[in-house]
């Protein structure tokens, strides 16, 4: 991303570096940059939610497997 995006468009993949200039632009009447900040908020939240669901799913499968092993060994 950095090797291609910055030289071509001046893009930023750091939320802190993107949010500050977007706020300054908004104060100057340019609203387009602030409209695109949502991805820095929604992306990590969606990733965290997906990771939590996957963790719960995988840990419940492990518990079921362990219970089955304990039951069959009795």
Protein backbone atom coordinates (compact mmCIF):
# COMPACT_ATOMS: atom_id res chain seq x y z
CA UNK A 1 0.00 0.00 0.00
CA UNK A 2 2.70 2.45 0.98
CA UNK A 3 4.93 1.75 -2.02
CA UNK A 4 2.18 2.48 -4.55
CA UNK A 5 -0.42 4.59 -2.76
CA UNK A 6 1.70 7.37 -1.31
CA UNK A 7 3.68 8.27 -4.46
CA UNK A 8 0.60 8.10 -6.69
CA UNK A 9 -2.12 9.69 -4.57
CA UNK A 10 -0.61 10.73 -1.24
CA UNK A 11 -2.80 8.16 0.47
CA UNK A 12 -2.59 7.40 4.16
CA UNK A 13 -3.18 4.08 5.86
CA UNK A 14 -2.63 5.42 9.37
CA UNK A 15 -5.91 6.50 11.02
CA UNK A 16 -4.28 9.22 13.11
CA UNK A 17 -2.59 10.71 10.07
CA UNK A 18 -5.82 10.59 8.09
CA UNK A 19 -8.16 11.92 10.77
CA UNK A 20 -6.21 15.11 11.55
CA UNK A 21 -6.05 16.43 7.97
CA UNK A 22 -9.69 15.41 7.44
CA UNK A 23 -10.72 17.55 10.42
CA UNK A 24 -8.69 20.52 9.16
CA UNK A 25 -10.20 20.12 5.69
CA UNK A 26 -13.70 20.00 7.23
CA UNK A 27 -13.00 23.22 9.12
CA UNK A 28 -12.11 24.79 5.78
CA UNK A 29 -15.35 23.65 4.16
CA UNK A 30 -14.05 20.55 2.36
CA UNK A 31 -16.12 17.59 3.54
CA UNK A 32 -14.97 14.80 1.22
CA UNK A 33 -12.03 13.56 3.37
CA UNK A 34 -14.14 13.30 6.55
CA UNK A 35 -16.75 11.26 4.66
CA UNK A 36 -14.16 8.54 4.09
CA UNK A 37 -12.95 8.23 7.70
CA UNK A 38 -15.71 5.72 8.44
CA UNK A 39 -13.57 2.86 7.09
CA UNK A 40 -11.00 3.45 9.85
CA UNK A 41 -13.77 3.03 12.43
CA UNK A 42 -15.93 0.31 10.88
CA UNK A 43 -13.06 -1.87 9.61
CA UNK A 44 -11.41 -2.60 12.97
CA UNK A 45 -14.77 -3.00 14.72
CA UNK A 46 -15.98 -5.48 12.09
CA UNK A 47 -12.68 -7.37 12.27
CA UNK A 48 -12.84 -7.56 16.06
CA UNK A 49 -16.45 -8.80 15.96
CA UNK A 50 -15.58 -11.43 13.37
CA UNK A 51 -12.56 -12.56 15.42
CA UNK A 52 -14.72 -12.85 18.56
CA UNK A 53 -17.35 -14.91 16.77
CA UNK A 54 -14.71 -17.18 15.25
CA UNK A 55 -13.00 -17.61 18.64
CA UNK A 56 -16.31 -18.53 20.32
CA UNK A 57 -17.16 -20.96 17.53
CA UNK A 58 -13.78 -22.68 17.64
CA UNK A 59 -13.60 -22.82 21.44
CA UNK A 60 -17.10 -24.33 21.68
CA UNK A 61 -16.08 -27.04 19.18
CA UNK A 62 -13.01 -27.79 21.31
CA UNK A 63 -15.11 -28.07 24.49
CA UNK A 64 -17.55 -30.47 22.79
CA UNK A 65 -14.64 -32.58 21.56
CA UNK A 66 -13.04 -32.67 25.04
CA UNK A 67 -16.37 -33.66 26.64
CA UNK A 68 -16.77 -36.47 24.13
CA UNK A 69 -13.25 -37.71 24.84
CA UNK A 70 -13.86 -37.66 28.62
CA UNK A 71 -17.19 -39.44 28.28
CA UNK A 72 -15.83 -42.19 26.02
CA UNK A 73 -12.85 -42.86 28.28
CA UNK A 74 -15.05 -43.63 31.34
